[in-house]
N, C-alpha and C. Protein backbone atom coordinates (compact mmCIF):
# COMPACT_ATOMS: atom_id res chain seq x y z
N UNK A 1 -61.99 71.75 -53.96
CA UNK A 1 -61.58 70.22 -54.65
C UNK A 1 -61.98 69.54 -55.04
N UNK A 2 -61.89 68.25 -55.80
CA UNK A 2 -62.70 67.54 -55.86
C UNK A 2 -62.16 66.19 -55.10
N UNK A 3 -63.00 64.98 -55.38
CA UNK A 3 -62.97 64.06 -54.16
C UNK A 3 -61.70 63.24 -55.03
N UNK A 4 -61.31 63.54 -56.36
CA UNK A 4 -60.06 62.90 -56.73
C UNK A 4 -58.89 62.92 -56.42
N UNK A 5 -58.36 64.67 -56.01
CA UNK A 5 -57.63 65.35 -55.64
C UNK A 5 -57.40 65.03 -54.45
N UNK A 6 -58.35 64.84 -53.60
CA UNK A 6 -58.67 64.32 -51.74
C UNK A 6 -57.55 63.07 -52.28
N UNK A 7 -58.17 62.39 -52.57
CA UNK A 7 -57.75 60.42 -52.89
C UNK A 7 -56.12 60.77 -52.90
N UNK A 8 -56.00 61.52 -54.15
CA UNK A 8 -54.41 61.08 -54.58
C UNK A 8 -53.57 61.69 -53.45
N UNK A 9 -54.30 63.10 -52.84
CA UNK A 9 -53.71 63.18 -51.47
C UNK A 9 -53.05 62.54 -50.43
N UNK A 10 -54.19 62.12 -50.23
CA UNK A 10 -54.01 60.93 -49.41
C UNK A 10 -52.91 59.89 -49.39
N UNK A 11 -53.13 59.19 -50.60
CA UNK A 11 -51.92 58.60 -50.70
C UNK A 11 -50.49 58.67 -51.09
N UNK A 12 -50.45 59.72 -51.52
CA UNK A 12 -49.60 60.41 -51.18
C UNK A 12 -48.45 60.30 -49.69
N UNK A 13 -49.58 60.96 -49.05
CA UNK A 13 -49.40 60.83 -47.57
C UNK A 13 -48.61 59.43 -46.82
N UNK A 14 -49.56 58.89 -47.30
CA UNK A 14 -49.79 57.35 -46.44
C UNK A 14 -48.52 56.42 -46.95
N UNK A 15 -48.17 56.63 -48.66
CA UNK A 15 -46.74 55.59 -49.01
C UNK A 15 -45.80 55.55 -48.42
N UNK A 16 -45.06 56.63 -47.55
CA UNK A 16 -43.85 56.04 -46.70
C UNK A 16 -44.80 55.37 -45.59
N UNK A 17 -45.51 55.23 -45.16
CA UNK A 17 -46.30 54.61 -43.89
C UNK A 17 -46.33 53.19 -44.53
N UNK A 18 -47.04 52.79 -45.61
CA UNK A 18 -47.00 51.75 -45.88
C UNK A 18 -45.80 50.87 -46.45
N UNK A 19 -44.86 51.65 -46.97
CA UNK A 19 -43.33 51.08 -47.50
C UNK A 19 -42.79 50.79 -46.08
N UNK A 20 -43.20 51.78 -44.75
CA UNK A 20 -42.13 51.15 -43.68
C UNK A 20 -42.87 50.05 -42.81
N UNK A 21 -44.04 49.68 -43.28
CA UNK A 21 -44.81 48.76 -42.88
C UNK A 21 -44.46 47.28 -43.47
N UNK A 22 -44.70 47.38 -44.65
CA UNK A 22 -44.22 46.52 -45.57
C UNK A 22 -42.64 45.75 -45.29
N UNK A 23 -41.70 46.71 -45.19
CA UNK A 23 -40.39 46.67 -44.49
C UNK A 23 -40.42 45.60 -42.89
N UNK A 24 -41.27 45.78 -42.21
CA UNK A 24 -40.98 45.47 -40.77
C UNK A 24 -41.67 44.54 -41.13
N UNK A 25 -42.59 44.04 -41.87
CA UNK A 25 -43.55 42.78 -42.17
C UNK A 25 -42.44 41.74 -42.51
N UNK A 26 -41.35 42.49 -43.37
CA UNK A 26 -40.07 41.38 -43.96
C UNK A 26 -39.31 41.38 -43.06
N UNK A 27 -38.96 42.04 -42.10
CA UNK A 27 -38.02 41.46 -41.13
C UNK A 27 -38.61 40.31 -40.34
N UNK A 28 -39.74 40.37 -40.09
CA UNK A 28 -40.62 39.42 -38.89
C UNK A 28 -40.58 38.63 -39.64
N UNK A 29 -40.65 38.24 -40.84
CA UNK A 29 -40.90 37.22 -41.57
C UNK A 29 -39.59 36.17 -41.80
N UNK A 30 -38.39 37.31 -41.89
CA UNK A 30 -37.50 36.28 -42.28
C UNK A 30 -36.71 35.76 -40.89
N UNK A 31 -35.88 34.80 -41.25
CA UNK A 31 -35.82 33.59 -39.80
C UNK A 31 -34.56 34.77 -39.19
N UNK A 32 -34.87 34.71 -37.24
CA UNK A 32 -34.38 35.34 -36.47
C UNK A 32 -32.62 35.48 -36.53
N UNK A 33 -32.14 34.24 -36.46
CA UNK A 33 -30.73 34.05 -36.26
C UNK A 33 -30.02 33.33 -37.60
N UNK A 34 -29.17 33.68 -38.15
CA UNK A 34 -28.61 32.67 -39.49
C UNK A 34 -27.47 31.59 -38.35
N UNK A 35 -28.33 30.02 -38.43
CA UNK A 35 -27.47 29.40 -37.90
C UNK A 35 -26.18 29.10 -38.15
N UNK A 36 -25.42 28.55 -37.19
CA UNK A 36 -23.96 28.65 -37.14
C UNK A 36 -23.91 27.51 -38.18
N UNK A 37 -22.82 27.53 -38.62
CA UNK A 37 -21.88 26.16 -39.36
C UNK A 37 -21.91 25.11 -38.64
N UNK A 38 -22.11 23.79 -39.46
CA UNK A 38 -21.80 22.91 -38.03
C UNK A 38 -19.79 22.68 -38.30
N UNK A 39 -20.11 22.60 -36.95
CA UNK A 39 -18.52 21.98 -37.18
C UNK A 39 -18.39 20.82 -37.91
N UNK A 40 -16.75 21.10 -38.12
CA UNK A 40 -16.09 20.31 -39.47
C UNK A 40 -15.71 19.29 -38.33
N UNK A 41 -16.16 18.20 -38.65
CA UNK A 41 -15.39 16.98 -38.09
C UNK A 41 -13.94 16.67 -38.04
N UNK A 42 -13.48 16.03 -36.83
CA UNK A 42 -12.08 16.23 -35.81
C UNK A 42 -11.09 15.05 -37.07
N UNK A 43 -10.09 15.61 -37.67
CA UNK A 43 -9.66 14.19 -38.33
C UNK A 43 -9.20 13.12 -37.61
N UNK A 44 -9.48 12.06 -37.85
CA UNK A 44 -9.35 10.84 -37.20
C UNK A 44 -7.69 10.39 -37.80
N UNK A 45 -7.03 10.33 -36.64
CA UNK A 45 -5.01 10.39 -36.89
C UNK A 45 -5.41 8.45 -36.71
N UNK A 46 -4.46 8.04 -37.04
CA UNK A 46 -4.29 6.77 -37.28
C UNK A 46 -3.12 6.57 -36.47
N UNK A 47 -3.15 5.24 -35.29
CA UNK A 47 -2.25 5.06 -34.57
C UNK A 47 -0.96 4.70 -34.84
N UNK A 48 0.14 5.16 -34.48
CA UNK A 48 1.40 4.99 -34.95
C UNK A 48 1.88 3.21 -34.96
N UNK A 49 2.46 2.77 -35.71
CA UNK A 49 3.08 1.34 -35.82
C UNK A 49 3.99 1.39 -34.83
N UNK A 50 3.28 -0.20 -33.78
CA UNK A 50 3.89 -0.54 -32.97
C UNK A 50 5.45 -0.68 -33.17
N UNK A 51 6.77 -0.31 -32.81
CA UNK A 51 7.85 -1.07 -32.98
C UNK A 51 8.20 -1.81 -31.82
N UNK A 52 8.84 -3.15 -32.44
CA UNK A 52 9.06 -4.33 -31.43
C UNK A 52 10.16 -3.94 -31.25
N UNK A 53 10.27 -3.81 -29.30
CA UNK A 53 11.47 -3.75 -29.00
C UNK A 53 12.40 -4.51 -28.85
N UNK A 54 13.80 -4.28 -28.95
CA UNK A 54 14.96 -5.47 -29.17
C UNK A 54 14.90 -6.33 -27.86
N UNK A 55 14.92 -7.44 -28.07
CA UNK A 55 14.82 -8.79 -26.93
C UNK A 55 16.48 -8.06 -25.98
N UNK A 56 15.98 -8.60 -24.95
CA UNK A 56 17.61 -8.41 -23.84
C UNK A 56 18.16 -9.33 -23.96
N UNK A 57 19.74 -9.31 -23.98
CA UNK A 57 20.42 -10.01 -24.22
C UNK A 57 20.92 -10.32 -23.18
N UNK A 58 21.15 -11.48 -22.38
CA UNK A 58 21.67 -11.61 -21.40
C UNK A 58 23.58 -11.84 -21.32
N UNK A 59 23.46 -10.98 -20.27
CA UNK A 59 25.27 -10.73 -20.45
C UNK A 59 25.88 -11.80 -20.29
N UNK A 60 27.21 -12.39 -20.33
CA UNK A 60 27.63 -13.64 -20.40
C UNK A 60 28.55 -13.15 -18.55
N UNK A 61 28.45 -13.98 -17.63
CA UNK A 61 29.00 -14.44 -16.26
C UNK A 61 30.47 -13.91 -16.77
N UNK A 62 31.25 -13.35 -15.51
CA UNK A 62 32.51 -13.12 -15.89
C UNK A 62 33.41 -14.27 -15.73
N UNK A 63 34.16 -14.53 -16.35
CA UNK A 63 35.40 -15.80 -16.05
C UNK A 63 36.06 -15.77 -14.78
N UNK A 64 36.22 -16.18 -14.00
CA UNK A 64 36.77 -15.97 -12.97
C UNK A 64 38.82 -16.05 -13.28
N UNK A 65 39.48 -15.21 -13.19
CA UNK A 65 41.24 -15.29 -13.22
C UNK A 65 42.05 -16.44 -12.84
N UNK A 66 42.16 -16.74 -13.79
CA UNK A 66 42.72 -18.11 -13.23
C UNK A 66 44.74 -17.54 -12.90
N UNK A 67 45.18 -18.28 -11.96
CA UNK A 67 46.49 -17.90 -11.62
C UNK A 67 47.48 -18.03 -11.95
N UNK A 68 48.13 -17.20 -12.41
CA UNK A 68 49.39 -17.64 -13.59
C UNK A 68 49.96 -18.80 -13.21
N UNK A 69 50.20 -19.56 -14.23
CA UNK A 69 51.48 -20.88 -13.93
C UNK A 69 52.70 -20.60 -13.49
N UNK A 70 53.04 -19.56 -13.95
CA UNK A 70 54.16 -18.94 -13.35
C UNK A 70 54.38 -18.88 -11.90
N UNK A 71 53.12 -18.27 -11.58
CA UNK A 71 53.19 -17.84 -10.20
C UNK A 71 52.95 -19.23 -9.42
N UNK A 72 52.27 -20.28 -9.70
CA UNK A 72 52.23 -21.41 -8.90
C UNK A 72 53.34 -21.80 -8.93
N UNK A 73 54.20 -22.35 -9.99
CA UNK A 73 55.60 -22.67 -9.53
C UNK A 73 56.39 -21.65 -8.75
N UNK A 74 56.51 -20.53 -8.82
CA UNK A 74 56.89 -19.91 -7.83
C UNK A 74 56.67 -20.05 -6.83
N UNK A 75 55.41 -20.06 -6.30
CA UNK A 75 54.95 -20.43 -5.08
C UNK A 75 55.65 -21.80 -4.33
N UNK A 76 55.41 -22.85 -5.10
CA UNK A 76 55.87 -24.05 -5.00
C UNK A 76 57.23 -24.17 -4.81
N UNK A 77 58.26 -23.16 -5.34
CA UNK A 77 59.04 -23.55 -5.56
C UNK A 77 59.95 -22.93 -3.71
N UNK A 78 59.43 -21.88 -3.42
CA UNK A 78 59.36 -21.02 -2.27
C UNK A 78 59.72 -21.75 -1.10
N UNK A 79 60.45 -22.06 -0.26
CA UNK A 79 60.79 -22.88 1.01
C UNK A 79 60.14 -22.23 2.22
N UNK A 80 58.99 -23.39 2.93
CA UNK A 80 58.28 -22.50 4.02
C UNK A 80 59.67 -21.33 5.47
N UNK A 81 59.27 -21.20 5.69
CA UNK A 81 59.53 -19.89 6.70
C UNK A 81 60.72 -20.60 7.93
N UNK A 82 61.89 -21.09 8.02
CA UNK A 82 62.37 -21.62 8.92
C UNK A 82 61.81 -21.08 10.56
N UNK A 83 61.38 -22.38 11.24
CA UNK A 83 61.16 -22.30 12.72
C UNK A 83 62.58 -22.38 13.20
N UNK A 84 62.55 -21.80 14.26
CA UNK A 84 63.34 -21.56 14.99
C UNK A 84 63.50 -22.35 16.31
N UNK A 85 64.22 -23.19 16.99
CA UNK A 85 64.20 -24.20 18.48
C UNK A 85 64.04 -22.86 19.18
N UNK A 86 63.91 -23.85 20.71
CA UNK A 86 63.94 -22.71 21.82
C UNK A 86 64.44 -23.57 22.50
N UNK A 87 65.49 -22.71 23.44
CA UNK A 87 66.63 -23.09 24.78
C UNK A 87 65.74 -22.32 25.40
N UNK A 88 66.39 -23.09 27.04
CA UNK A 88 66.69 -22.77 28.05
C UNK A 88 68.24 -21.81 28.83
N UNK A 89 68.26 -21.23 29.04
CA UNK A 89 69.18 -20.17 29.30
C UNK A 89 69.94 -20.48 30.61
N UNK A 90 70.64 -20.79 31.03
CA UNK A 90 71.25 -20.80 32.43
C UNK A 90 71.93 -20.20 32.94
N UNK A 91 72.53 -19.72 34.41
CA UNK A 91 73.61 -18.48 34.67
C UNK A 91 74.54 -19.65 35.14
N UNK A 92 75.85 -19.55 34.80
CA UNK A 92 77.02 -20.11 35.44
C UNK A 92 77.89 -19.15 35.71
N UNK A 93 78.11 -18.65 36.79
CA UNK A 93 78.90 -17.34 37.08
C UNK A 93 78.62 -16.55 36.01
N UNK A 94 79.81 -15.87 35.24
CA UNK A 94 79.36 -14.61 34.14
C UNK A 94 79.10 -15.34 33.27
N UNK A 95 79.10 -16.25 32.88
CA UNK A 95 78.88 -17.17 31.33
C UNK A 95 77.25 -17.72 31.42
N UNK A 96 76.78 -17.94 30.12
CA UNK A 96 75.66 -18.44 29.99
C UNK A 96 75.90 -19.69 29.34
N UNK A 97 74.92 -20.40 29.56
CA UNK A 97 74.55 -21.71 28.36
C UNK A 97 73.08 -22.05 28.81
N UNK A 98 73.36 -22.87 27.31
CA UNK A 98 71.42 -23.15 27.05
C UNK A 98 71.43 -24.65 26.85
N UNK A 99 70.24 -25.18 27.14
CA UNK A 99 69.82 -26.26 26.91
C UNK A 99 68.26 -26.38 26.04
N UNK A 100 68.54 -27.38 24.73
CA UNK A 100 67.36 -27.40 24.43
C UNK A 100 66.03 -27.55 24.92
N UNK A 101 64.90 -26.49 24.69
CA UNK A 101 63.65 -26.65 25.62
C UNK A 101 63.06 -28.18 25.74
N UNK A 102 62.97 -29.09 24.42
CA UNK A 102 62.72 -30.31 24.69
C UNK A 102 63.07 -31.12 24.93
N UNK A 103 64.48 -30.93 25.68
CA UNK A 103 65.05 -32.00 26.39
C UNK A 103 64.87 -31.81 27.95
N UNK A 104 64.17 -30.57 28.37
CA UNK A 104 64.21 -30.12 29.67
C UNK A 104 62.57 -30.88 30.24
N UNK A 105 62.96 -31.26 31.17
CA UNK A 105 61.64 -32.09 31.98
C UNK A 105 61.08 -30.77 32.74
N UNK A 106 61.89 -30.45 33.59
CA UNK A 106 61.92 -29.59 34.48
C UNK A 106 62.39 -28.66 35.51
N UNK A 107 62.57 -27.71 36.13
CA UNK A 107 63.20 -26.90 36.27
C UNK A 107 62.45 -27.04 38.47
N UNK A 108 63.82 -27.40 39.10
CA UNK A 108 63.50 -27.28 40.66
C UNK A 108 64.26 -26.85 41.44
N UNK A 109 64.02 -26.76 42.66
CA UNK A 109 64.79 -25.85 43.36
C UNK A 109 65.86 -27.01 43.89
N UNK A 110 66.47 -26.41 44.77
CA UNK A 110 68.00 -27.39 45.47
C UNK A 110 66.88 -28.07 46.46
N UNK A 111 67.35 -29.40 46.33
CA UNK A 111 66.63 -30.31 47.18
C UNK A 111 67.58 -31.14 47.37
N UNK A 112 67.37 -31.97 48.89
CA UNK A 112 68.79 -33.17 49.46
C UNK A 112 69.20 -33.99 48.63
N UNK A 113 70.72 -33.80 48.96
CA UNK A 113 71.62 -34.76 47.53
C UNK A 113 71.84 -35.58 48.45
N UNK A 114 71.84 -36.96 48.26
CA UNK A 114 72.77 -38.15 48.79
C UNK A 114 74.21 -38.06 48.18
N UNK A 115 74.96 -38.13 48.99
CA UNK A 115 76.17 -38.51 48.12
C UNK A 115 76.58 -40.05 47.87
N UNK A 116 77.48 -39.75 46.42
CA UNK A 116 77.91 -41.51 46.30
C UNK A 116 79.15 -41.69 46.25
N UNK A 117 79.35 -42.65 47.22
CA UNK A 117 80.60 -43.32 47.05
C UNK A 117 81.31 -43.65 45.61
N UNK A 118 82.68 -43.05 45.74
CA UNK A 118 83.45 -43.62 44.44
C UNK A 118 83.23 -42.68 42.94
N UNK A 119 82.29 -41.83 43.23
CA UNK A 119 81.86 -40.72 42.01
C UNK A 119 82.67 -39.83 41.48
N UNK A 120 82.49 -39.59 40.65
CA UNK A 120 83.31 -38.50 39.83
C UNK A 120 83.29 -37.30 40.74
N UNK A 121 84.09 -36.29 40.10
CA UNK A 121 83.96 -35.02 41.25
C UNK A 121 82.86 -34.34 40.69
N UNK A 122 82.50 -34.15 39.62
CA UNK A 122 81.33 -33.47 39.37
C UNK A 122 80.02 -34.00 39.79
N UNK A 123 79.98 -35.82 40.00
CA UNK A 123 78.87 -36.09 40.27
C UNK A 123 78.46 -35.97 42.01
N UNK A 124 77.44 -34.89 42.07
CA UNK A 124 77.17 -34.56 43.64
C UNK A 124 76.30 -35.91 44.11
N UNK A 125 75.40 -35.90 43.43
CA UNK A 125 74.76 -37.27 44.05
C UNK A 125 73.87 -37.71 43.41
N UNK A 126 72.73 -38.30 44.36
CA UNK A 126 71.39 -38.20 43.33
C UNK A 126 70.37 -37.58 44.53
N UNK A 127 69.28 -37.72 43.96
CA UNK A 127 67.88 -37.25 44.59
C UNK A 127 66.85 -37.70 44.30
N UNK A 128 65.61 -37.33 45.15
CA UNK A 128 64.52 -38.48 44.97
C UNK A 128 63.46 -37.26 44.42
N UNK A 129 63.04 -37.45 43.41
CA UNK A 129 62.37 -36.63 42.18
C UNK A 129 60.79 -37.51 42.09
N UNK A 130 60.03 -37.22 43.40
CA UNK A 130 58.82 -37.99 43.36
C UNK A 130 58.75 -39.70 43.05
N UNK A 131 59.71 -39.77 43.60
CA UNK A 131 59.80 -41.28 43.98
C UNK A 131 60.69 -41.99 43.01
N UNK A 132 61.41 -41.12 42.02
CA UNK A 132 61.99 -41.46 40.96
C UNK A 132 63.49 -41.25 41.17
N UNK A 133 64.88 -41.89 41.29
CA UNK A 133 66.18 -41.66 41.54
C UNK A 133 66.74 -40.32 40.50
N UNK A 134 67.57 -39.89 40.51
CA UNK A 134 67.69 -39.17 39.84
C UNK A 134 69.52 -38.41 40.09
N UNK A 135 70.11 -38.85 39.42
CA UNK A 135 71.82 -38.24 40.08
C UNK A 135 71.93 -36.83 39.15
N UNK A 136 72.45 -36.25 40.22
CA UNK A 136 72.72 -34.56 40.00
C UNK A 136 74.19 -34.33 39.83
N UNK A 137 74.54 -33.86 38.78
CA UNK A 137 75.82 -32.95 38.39
C UNK A 137 76.22 -31.74 38.65
N UNK A 138 77.56 -31.24 39.05
CA UNK A 138 77.70 -29.99 39.32
C UNK A 138 78.31 -29.53 37.78
N UNK A 139 77.62 -28.47 37.15
CA UNK A 139 77.87 -28.25 35.82
C UNK A 139 79.13 -27.66 35.77
N UNK A 140 79.73 -26.64 36.54
CA UNK A 140 80.90 -25.72 36.71
C UNK A 140 82.30 -26.82 36.88
N UNK A 141 81.70 -27.85 37.81
CA UNK A 141 82.90 -28.76 38.29
C UNK A 141 82.74 -29.39 37.12
N UNK A 142 81.89 -30.12 36.35
CA UNK A 142 82.24 -30.73 35.03
C UNK A 142 82.85 -30.02 33.98
N UNK A 143 82.46 -28.59 34.10
CA UNK A 143 83.41 -27.65 32.70
C UNK A 143 84.74 -27.31 33.24
N UNK A 144 84.95 -27.38 34.50
CA UNK A 144 86.26 -26.96 35.49
C UNK A 144 86.46 -25.56 35.48
N UNK A 145 85.17 -24.81 35.52
CA UNK A 145 85.34 -23.80 35.58
C UNK A 145 85.12 -22.69 37.48
N UNK A 146 85.01 -23.89 38.42
CA UNK A 146 84.59 -23.87 39.58
C UNK A 146 83.73 -24.52 40.01
N UNK A 147 83.02 -23.97 41.06
CA UNK A 147 81.80 -25.13 41.87
C UNK A 147 80.58 -24.22 41.90
N UNK A 148 79.48 -25.00 41.46
CA UNK A 148 78.26 -24.03 41.77
C UNK A 148 77.63 -23.42 43.39
N UNK A 149 77.88 -22.50 44.04
CA UNK A 149 76.90 -22.47 45.15
C UNK A 149 75.59 -22.70 45.49
N UNK A 150 75.17 -23.52 46.51
CA UNK A 150 73.86 -24.11 46.64
C UNK A 150 72.94 -22.98 47.12
N UNK A 151 72.75 -21.82 46.61
CA UNK A 151 71.88 -20.35 47.60
C UNK A 151 70.50 -20.72 47.10
N UNK A 152 70.17 -19.58 47.26
CA UNK A 152 68.26 -19.45 47.14
C UNK A 152 68.41 -19.15 45.14
N UNK A 153 69.20 -18.71 44.56
CA UNK A 153 69.44 -18.54 43.21
C UNK A 153 69.50 -19.64 42.30
N UNK A 154 70.54 -20.70 43.09
CA UNK A 154 70.56 -22.16 42.29
C UNK A 154 69.52 -22.41 42.17
N UNK A 155 69.40 -23.49 40.88
CA UNK A 155 68.54 -24.35 40.32
C UNK A 155 68.88 -25.90 39.74
N UNK A 156 68.38 -26.96 39.70
CA UNK A 156 68.37 -27.89 39.39
C UNK A 156 67.65 -28.04 37.96
N UNK A 157 68.60 -28.10 36.46
CA UNK A 157 67.56 -28.51 35.53
C UNK A 157 67.55 -30.17 35.19
N UNK A 158 66.73 -30.65 35.30
CA UNK A 158 66.49 -32.21 34.77
C UNK A 158 66.01 -32.41 33.84
N UNK A 159 66.69 -32.75 33.22
CA UNK A 159 67.09 -33.18 31.08
C UNK A 159 66.98 -34.39 31.03
N UNK A 160 66.41 -34.95 29.74
CA UNK A 160 66.59 -36.29 29.29
C UNK A 160 67.77 -36.64 28.41
N UNK A 161 68.55 -37.74 28.78
CA UNK A 161 69.30 -38.19 28.05
C UNK A 161 69.66 -39.86 27.90
N UNK A 162 68.84 -40.48 26.74
CA UNK A 162 69.09 -41.55 26.20
C UNK A 162 68.23 -42.15 27.12
N UNK A 163 66.73 -41.48 27.40
CA UNK A 163 65.50 -41.96 27.66
C UNK A 163 66.24 -42.42 29.46
N UNK A 164 67.08 -41.23 30.04
CA UNK A 164 67.38 -41.37 31.33
C UNK A 164 67.13 -39.94 31.84
N UNK A 165 66.61 -39.79 32.84
CA UNK A 165 66.73 -38.53 33.74
C UNK A 165 68.05 -38.10 34.34
N UNK A 166 68.76 -36.69 33.87
CA UNK A 166 69.66 -36.35 34.99
C UNK A 166 69.37 -34.83 35.11
N UNK A 167 69.98 -34.66 36.44
CA UNK A 167 69.67 -33.45 36.90
C UNK A 167 70.87 -32.28 36.77
N UNK A 168 71.01 -31.40 36.65
CA UNK A 168 72.14 -30.21 35.85
C UNK A 168 72.12 -29.13 37.24
N UNK A 169 73.09 -28.80 38.13
CA UNK A 169 72.96 -27.49 39.03
C UNK A 169 73.89 -26.62 38.65
N UNK A 170 73.08 -25.73 38.46
CA UNK A 170 73.25 -24.14 37.69
C UNK A 170 73.21 -23.31 38.82
N UNK A 171 73.66 -22.35 38.42
CA UNK A 171 73.93 -20.81 39.52
C UNK A 171 72.24 -20.35 39.50
N UNK A 172 71.54 -20.42 38.14
CA UNK A 172 70.54 -19.81 38.22
C UNK A 172 69.80 -20.12 36.57
N UNK A 173 68.22 -19.58 36.74
CA UNK A 173 68.02 -19.93 35.30
C UNK A 173 67.88 -18.45 34.83
N UNK A 174 68.08 -18.15 33.43
CA UNK A 174 67.63 -17.05 32.89
C UNK A 174 66.63 -16.66 32.04
N UNK A 175 66.27 -17.17 31.24
CA UNK A 175 65.23 -17.60 29.96
C UNK A 175 65.04 -17.99 29.50
N UNK A 176 64.04 -17.86 28.07
CA UNK A 176 63.69 -18.92 27.11
C UNK A 176 63.58 -18.15 26.08
N UNK A 177 64.98 -18.38 25.16
CA UNK A 177 65.10 -17.92 23.52
C UNK A 177 64.80 -18.85 22.46
N UNK A 178 64.40 -17.72 21.44
CA UNK A 178 64.35 -18.82 20.05
C UNK A 178 65.18 -18.50 19.38
N UNK A 179 65.79 -19.65 18.62
CA UNK A 179 67.28 -19.02 17.96
C UNK A 179 66.65 -19.99 16.41
N UNK A 180 66.86 -19.11 15.23
CA UNK A 180 67.21 -19.80 14.00
C UNK A 180 68.77 -20.28 13.56
N UNK A 181 68.44 -20.99 12.82
CA UNK A 181 69.94 -21.84 12.41
C UNK A 181 71.27 -20.60 12.14
N UNK A 182 70.29 -20.14 11.34
CA UNK A 182 71.44 -18.87 11.42
C UNK A 182 71.76 -17.94 12.32
N UNK A 183 71.48 -17.93 13.94
CA UNK A 183 71.85 -17.13 14.42
C UNK A 183 72.69 -18.28 15.61
N UNK A 184 72.89 -19.40 14.99
CA UNK A 184 73.97 -20.82 15.40
C UNK A 184 75.38 -20.60 14.66
N UNK A 185 76.57 -20.14 15.63
CA UNK A 185 77.66 -20.16 14.94
C UNK A 185 78.41 -21.64 15.46
N UNK A 186 79.13 -22.22 14.54
CA UNK A 186 79.80 -23.40 15.08
C UNK A 186 80.52 -23.14 16.02
N UNK A 187 81.12 -24.56 16.79
CA UNK A 187 82.62 -24.12 17.71
C UNK A 187 83.51 -23.46 17.15
N UNK A 188 84.22 -23.19 18.15
CA UNK A 188 85.50 -22.57 17.56
C UNK A 188 86.41 -23.48 17.23
N UNK A 189 87.05 -23.58 15.58
CA UNK A 189 88.38 -24.18 15.73
C UNK A 189 89.64 -24.61 16.71
N UNK A 190 89.87 -25.85 16.75
CA UNK A 190 90.64 -25.86 17.61
C UNK A 190 90.35 -26.53 19.28
N UNK A 191 89.03 -26.43 18.89
CA UNK A 191 88.98 -26.85 20.41
C UNK A 191 87.64 -28.39 19.99
N UNK A 192 87.38 -28.87 21.26
CA UNK A 192 86.60 -30.23 20.99
C UNK A 192 84.92 -30.09 20.91
N UNK A 193 84.27 -30.12 20.18
CA UNK A 193 83.03 -30.05 19.95
C UNK A 193 82.30 -30.75 20.90
N UNK A 194 82.53 -32.34 21.26
CA UNK A 194 82.17 -32.97 22.16
C UNK A 194 80.61 -32.86 22.73
N UNK A 195 79.82 -32.32 24.11
CA UNK A 195 78.68 -31.81 24.02
C UNK A 195 78.33 -30.17 23.61
N UNK A 196 79.35 -29.79 23.09
CA UNK A 196 78.89 -28.37 22.45
C UNK A 196 78.36 -28.48 21.14
N UNK A 197 77.22 -27.73 21.14
CA UNK A 197 76.50 -27.53 19.80
C UNK A 197 77.10 -26.38 18.85
N UNK A 198 77.40 -25.25 19.75
CA UNK A 198 77.57 -24.12 19.23
C UNK A 198 77.56 -22.95 19.80
N UNK A 199 77.63 -21.94 19.47
CA UNK A 199 77.62 -20.33 20.13
C UNK A 199 76.66 -19.45 19.58
N UNK A 200 75.58 -19.06 20.19
CA UNK A 200 74.49 -18.19 20.17
C UNK A 200 74.76 -16.73 20.53
N UNK A 201 74.71 -15.76 19.90
CA UNK A 201 75.01 -14.61 20.26
C UNK A 201 73.27 -13.87 20.64
N UNK A 202 73.23 -13.70 22.10
CA UNK A 202 71.73 -13.21 22.45
C UNK A 202 72.07 -12.10 23.13
N UNK A 203 72.07 -11.24 23.02
CA UNK A 203 72.44 -9.88 23.81
C UNK A 203 73.46 -9.64 23.61
N UNK A 204 74.27 -9.02 24.83
CA UNK A 204 75.66 -8.60 24.92
C UNK A 204 76.55 -9.91 24.96
N UNK A 205 76.05 -10.88 25.71
CA UNK A 205 76.84 -12.27 25.90
C UNK A 205 76.75 -13.13 25.42
N UNK A 206 77.51 -13.86 24.86
CA UNK A 206 77.70 -15.26 23.85
C UNK A 206 76.80 -16.57 24.88
N UNK A 207 76.29 -16.87 24.48
CA UNK A 207 75.60 -18.10 24.97
C UNK A 207 76.24 -19.72 24.36
N UNK A 208 76.66 -20.45 25.23
CA UNK A 208 77.18 -21.80 24.64
C UNK A 208 75.87 -23.00 24.67
N UNK A 209 75.75 -23.31 23.72
CA UNK A 209 74.32 -24.28 23.27
C UNK A 209 75.19 -25.77 23.94
N UNK A 210 74.42 -26.76 24.79
CA UNK A 210 74.81 -27.59 25.11
C UNK A 210 73.82 -28.92 24.81
N UNK A 211 74.55 -30.37 24.11
CA UNK A 211 73.96 -31.22 23.81
C UNK A 211 74.10 -32.19 24.55
N UNK A 212 72.52 -32.39 25.08
CA UNK A 212 72.20 -33.09 26.17
C UNK A 212 72.67 -34.61 26.16
N UNK A 213 72.57 -34.97 24.92
CA UNK A 213 72.91 -36.27 24.35
C UNK A 213 74.61 -36.82 24.80
N UNK A 214 75.34 -35.90 24.97
CA UNK A 214 76.57 -36.00 25.09
C UNK A 214 77.37 -35.57 26.34
N UNK A 215 76.21 -35.03 27.21
CA UNK A 215 76.41 -34.46 28.59
C UNK A 215 76.89 -35.41 29.70
N UNK A 216 77.93 -35.17 30.40
CA UNK A 216 79.01 -35.85 31.32
C UNK A 216 79.25 -37.06 30.51
N UNK A 217 79.68 -37.09 29.47
CA UNK A 217 80.15 -38.27 28.87
C UNK A 217 81.33 -38.42 29.44
């Protein structure tokens, strides 16, 4: 075999090897990695325009309700509630008599009574009330209904009459009651008023109201 034929044969055998080496060299010379694309800049968002808040309006203070004039006139025309007077009720046998409490000075037990010559039948005499001479009269004798028995239940009611004190002997003292004008009836027709102011119904028994200013006149 000639030398020319041997060289051609060797070139044919070495051709694939050279081609492979050339491709490997190209790969090594190429950049190892493709650079990542740069991130896109974030969009700039403009701040929302500030909306002015409405100013708070002050609430007006509630006005006090005025009292209607009609109600004021009504209250002014309404009279005050009547106040009753207080009375001391005394026992005289089966009957009841009363003295206005404002006229009553005090109530005492039986005390020594000195008789007075020439006095009326109802006048029992006088007694000493803490150094003051007080005449004592029997209410039953003065009314003509009998005589008061001076026992343990009997009492002397000291009342005021025309700036003087008078002792009224009764069978006993019952209680104190409050009477309004509508509870008092006028004296019966055909009877002399005199010291009788009226009659009041207290419980089951009527009570005769006596006027101390006209008592024993």
